[in-house]
Amino acid sequence: MASDSLSKTTSVSHLSPIKLSADNFLVWRNHMTLLVGLHTLSHHIDGSSSQPSKTIISEEKEITNPQYTSWVQADRQASLLILSALTEEAAAEVLGLSSARQIWCALENAYSNASVERVQSLRDSLRQLTKGGVRRIKLGSQGMEVSSLGLGCMTMTNSMYGPGKSEEDMIKLIHHAVNSGVTHLGPLTSTDLIQMKSSSARR
């Protein structure tokens, strides 16, 4: 039975081509949250499940706790799902860790700050642009023009990609992008935010 569960876990993980790196933590975390949830193992990474005691007393005798055995097997499955979706660099961050929760937390600590730093880096890059300094390119044969530089906005408002960003910071970022000549903003999941902030930026 344990072998069947392990085989199932391994085969499903092979369907996931996303490997964690320093550049894709938010996307990877969303993907893995769904994948672990598919196996009904989310409680092993979100901290809502604790390890049962190894033994119990039955008929005045100490015996192995069957719940402990089941929990350990499930935790190993969750760990395998995570480890199979890591690059060698990411795997080095979790060497020696024994539980899925420990692995998950270590990866969050190692890579979530990198995602915040990318937002800061993008903000700094936009600040270096002068008004109207973004090159424009034509799309198709109808003469439509957009800026050659775009600003992705999905992670600004979509909670699936991690904790929400500071609205004040995101407003300032969109303001500066629009004032610098950036007209390619998206995707559509952030339409409301884009329309509200970009319209005020043009005033």
Protein backbone atom coordinates (compact mmCIF):
# COMPACT_ATOMS: atom_id res chain seq x y z
CA MET A 1 0.00 0.00 0.00
CA ALA A 2 2.80 2.40 0.92
CA SER A 3 4.57 1.54 -2.33
CA ASP A 4 1.41 2.33 -4.32
CA SER A 5 1.09 5.74 -2.64
CA LEU A 6 4.73 6.55 -3.30
CA SER A 7 4.40 5.53 -6.95
CA LYS A 8 1.33 7.73 -7.36
CA THR A 9 3.07 10.71 -5.80
CA THR A 10 6.13 10.31 -8.00
CA SER A 11 4.15 9.96 -11.23
CA VAL A 12 2.07 13.07 -10.55
CA SER A 13 5.10 15.14 -9.63
CA HIS A 14 6.60 14.31 -13.02
CA LEU A 15 3.71 16.25 -14.57
CA SER A 16 5.04 19.42 -12.93
CA PRO A 17 7.76 21.07 -15.04
CA ILE A 18 8.21 24.06 -12.71
CA LYS A 19 11.43 23.92 -10.72
CA LEU A 20 12.04 26.46 -7.97
CA SER A 21 14.75 29.00 -8.67
CA ALA A 22 15.61 32.47 -7.44
CA ASP A 23 13.37 34.02 -10.11
CA ASN A 24 10.04 32.18 -9.82
CA PHE A 25 9.20 31.65 -6.16
CA LEU A 26 5.69 33.15 -6.20
CA VAL A 27 4.61 31.18 -9.26
CA TRP A 28 6.26 28.02 -7.91
CA ARG A 29 4.61 28.39 -4.51
CA ASN A 30 1.16 28.77 -6.04
CA HIS A 31 1.73 25.74 -8.27
CA MET A 32 3.01 23.58 -5.43
CA THR A 33 0.21 24.62 -3.08
CA LEU A 34 -2.29 23.32 -5.64
CA LEU A 35 -0.30 20.14 -6.28
CA VAL A 36 0.13 19.30 -2.60
CA GLY A 37 -3.55 20.03 -2.06
CA LEU A 38 -4.43 17.64 -4.88
CA HIS A 39 -2.89 14.91 -2.75
CA THR A 40 -4.78 16.14 0.34
CA LEU A 41 -1.45 16.84 2.02
CA SER A 42 -1.77 20.59 2.56
CA HIS A 43 -1.86 20.16 6.35
CA HIS A 44 1.73 18.91 6.17
CA ILE A 45 3.03 22.23 4.82
CA ASP A 46 0.70 24.83 6.34
CA GLY A 47 1.42 23.92 9.97
CA SER A 48 -2.07 22.68 10.78
CA SER A 49 -0.90 19.09 11.37
CA SER A 50 1.43 17.96 14.14
CA GLN A 51 3.28 14.69 14.41
CA PRO A 52 1.44 12.12 16.59
CA SER A 53 3.28 10.32 19.38
CA LYS A 54 5.30 7.32 18.22
CA THR A 55 3.71 4.92 20.70
CA ILE A 56 0.44 4.48 22.53
CA ILE A 57 -0.70 2.32 25.43
CA SER A 58 -3.06 -0.49 24.50
CA GLU A 59 -4.16 -3.11 27.03
CA GLU A 60 -1.43 -1.88 29.38
CA LYS A 61 1.21 -2.43 26.71
CA GLU A 62 3.19 0.15 24.75
CA ILE A 63 2.72 -0.36 21.01
CA THR A 64 3.52 1.57 17.85
CA ASN A 65 0.94 4.25 17.17
CA PRO A 66 -0.66 3.46 13.77
CA GLN A 67 -1.53 7.15 13.37
CA TYR A 68 2.16 8.01 13.70
CA THR A 69 3.08 5.52 10.97
CA SER A 70 0.42 6.93 8.63
CA TRP A 71 1.44 10.52 9.38
CA VAL A 72 5.11 9.86 8.67
CA GLN A 73 4.25 8.17 5.35
CA ALA A 74 2.06 11.09 4.29
CA ASP A 75 4.69 13.61 5.35
CA ARG A 76 7.30 11.83 3.26
CA GLN A 77 4.97 12.01 0.26
CA ALA A 78 4.55 15.75 0.77
CA SER A 79 8.31 16.16 1.13
CA LEU A 80 8.91 14.20 -2.06
CA LEU A 81 6.48 16.39 -3.99
CA ILE A 82 8.38 19.49 -2.89
CA LEU A 83 11.87 18.09 -3.38
CA SER A 84 11.06 16.83 -6.87
CA ALA A 85 10.26 20.42 -7.90
CA LEU A 86 13.56 22.00 -6.80
CA THR A 87 16.66 22.96 -8.73
CA GLU A 88 19.96 21.75 -7.29
CA GLU A 89 20.53 25.25 -5.91
CA ALA A 90 17.19 25.24 -4.11
CA ALA A 91 17.67 21.69 -2.86
CA ALA A 92 20.86 22.80 -1.12
CA GLU A 93 18.75 25.12 1.06
CA VAL A 94 16.91 22.20 2.67
CA LEU A 95 19.64 19.62 3.18
CA GLY A 96 19.18 17.77 6.46
CA LEU A 97 15.56 18.83 7.00
CA SER A 98 13.25 15.94 7.79
CA SER A 99 9.66 17.17 7.55
CA ALA A 100 7.61 18.74 4.78
CA ARG A 101 6.80 21.71 7.00
CA GLN A 102 10.48 22.35 7.75
CA ILE A 103 11.33 22.15 4.05
CA TRP A 104 8.47 24.47 3.08
CA CYS A 105 9.36 27.10 5.68
CA ALA A 106 13.06 27.00 4.78
CA LEU A 107 12.25 27.64 1.12
CA GLU A 108 9.91 30.50 2.00
CA ASN A 109 12.59 32.09 4.15
CA ALA A 110 15.21 31.67 1.44
CA TYR A 111 13.19 32.85 -1.57
CA SER A 112 10.33 35.11 -0.47
CA ASN A 113 12.73 37.98 0.24
CA ALA A 114 14.16 37.55 -3.25
CA SER A 115 10.68 38.18 -4.68
CA VAL A 116 10.38 41.39 -2.66
CA GLU A 117 13.81 42.45 -3.88
CA ARG A 118 12.69 41.95 -7.49
CA VAL A 119 9.81 44.38 -6.94
CA GLN A 120 12.26 46.88 -5.48
CA SER A 121 14.65 46.35 -8.38
CA LEU A 122 11.87 46.94 -10.90
CA ARG A 123 10.83 50.11 -9.06
CA ASP A 124 14.41 51.39 -9.10
CA SER A 125 14.73 50.65 -12.82
CA LEU A 126 11.56 52.57 -13.60
CA ARG A 127 12.73 55.52 -11.54
CA GLN A 128 15.75 55.82 -13.81
CA LEU A 129 13.50 56.37 -16.82
CA THR A 130 12.77 59.91 -17.93
CA LYS A 131 9.29 60.99 -18.99
CA GLY A 132 8.65 59.77 -22.52
CA GLY A 133 11.94 57.92 -22.52
CA VAL A 134 10.46 54.50 -23.31
CA ARG A 135 10.74 53.40 -26.94
CA ARG A 136 7.47 52.61 -28.72
CA ILE A 137 6.88 49.75 -31.16
CA LYS A 138 4.12 49.01 -33.65
CA LEU A 139 1.78 46.04 -33.31
CA GLY A 140 0.45 44.41 -36.48
CA SER A 141 -0.49 46.37 -39.58
CA GLN A 142 -3.09 48.71 -38.07
CA GLY A 143 -0.60 51.23 -36.77
CA MET A 144 -1.21 50.56 -33.08
CA GLU A 145 1.76 51.46 -30.91
CA VAL A 146 2.70 50.33 -27.42
CA SER A 147 5.72 50.87 -25.24
CA SER A 148 8.56 48.40 -25.73
CA LEU A 149 8.71 48.09 -21.94
CA GLY A 150 5.74 46.58 -20.12
CA LEU A 151 4.73 46.35 -16.48
CA GLY A 152 3.27 43.06 -15.21
CA CYS A 153 0.61 43.68 -12.57
CA MET A 154 -0.85 40.27 -11.71
CA THR A 155 1.14 39.88 -8.49
CA MET A 156 0.01 43.32 -7.32
CA THR A 157 -3.55 42.21 -6.63
CA ASN A 158 -3.75 38.44 -7.06
CA SER A 159 -3.39 36.69 -3.69
CA MET A 160 -2.63 33.37 -5.41
CA TYR A 161 0.89 34.71 -5.99
CA GLY A 162 1.65 35.33 -2.35
CA PRO A 163 1.02 38.03 0.23
CA GLY A 164 -0.40 41.24 -1.19
CA LYS A 165 2.02 44.05 -1.90
CA SER A 166 1.71 47.49 -0.34
CA GLU A 167 -1.01 49.29 -2.29
CA GLU A 168 0.76 52.60 -1.80
CA ASP A 169 3.96 51.22 -3.31
CA MET A 170 2.12 49.64 -6.23
CA ILE A 171 0.25 52.91 -6.96
CA LYS A 172 3.54 54.81 -7.02
CA LEU A 173 5.05 52.18 -9.29
CA ILE A 174 2.18 52.40 -11.80
CA HIS A 175 2.21 56.21 -11.65
CA HIS A 176 5.90 56.34 -12.50
CA ALA A 177 5.58 53.73 -15.25
CA VAL A 178 2.74 55.61 -16.98
CA ASN A 179 4.45 58.97 -16.58
CA SER A 180 7.59 57.47 -18.13
CA GLY A 181 5.69 56.38 -21.22
CA VAL A 182 4.87 52.77 -20.35
CA THR A 183 1.52 51.89 -21.96
CA HIS A 184 1.70 48.10 -21.80
CA LEU A 185 0.23 47.20 -18.39
CA GLY A 186 -1.37 43.91 -17.44
CA PRO A 187 -2.55 41.25 -17.22
CA LEU A 188 -6.32 41.61 -17.10
CA THR A 189 -6.67 40.24 -13.57
CA SER A 190 -5.45 43.63 -12.38
CA THR A 191 -7.66 45.72 -14.68
CA ASP A 192 -9.43 47.61 -11.89
CA LEU A 193 -6.21 48.58 -10.21
CA ILE A 194 -4.64 49.62 -13.51
CA GLN A 195 -7.58 51.76 -14.63
CA MET A 196 -7.91 53.53 -11.30
CA LYS A 197 -4.25 54.28 -10.78
CA SER A 198 -3.21 54.98 -14.38
CA SER A 199 -6.09 57.39 -14.92
CA SER A 200 -5.09 59.40 -11.87
CA ALA A 201 -1.47 59.35 -13.03
CA ARG A 202 -2.40 61.16 -16.26
CA ARG A 203 -4.14 64.02 -14.44
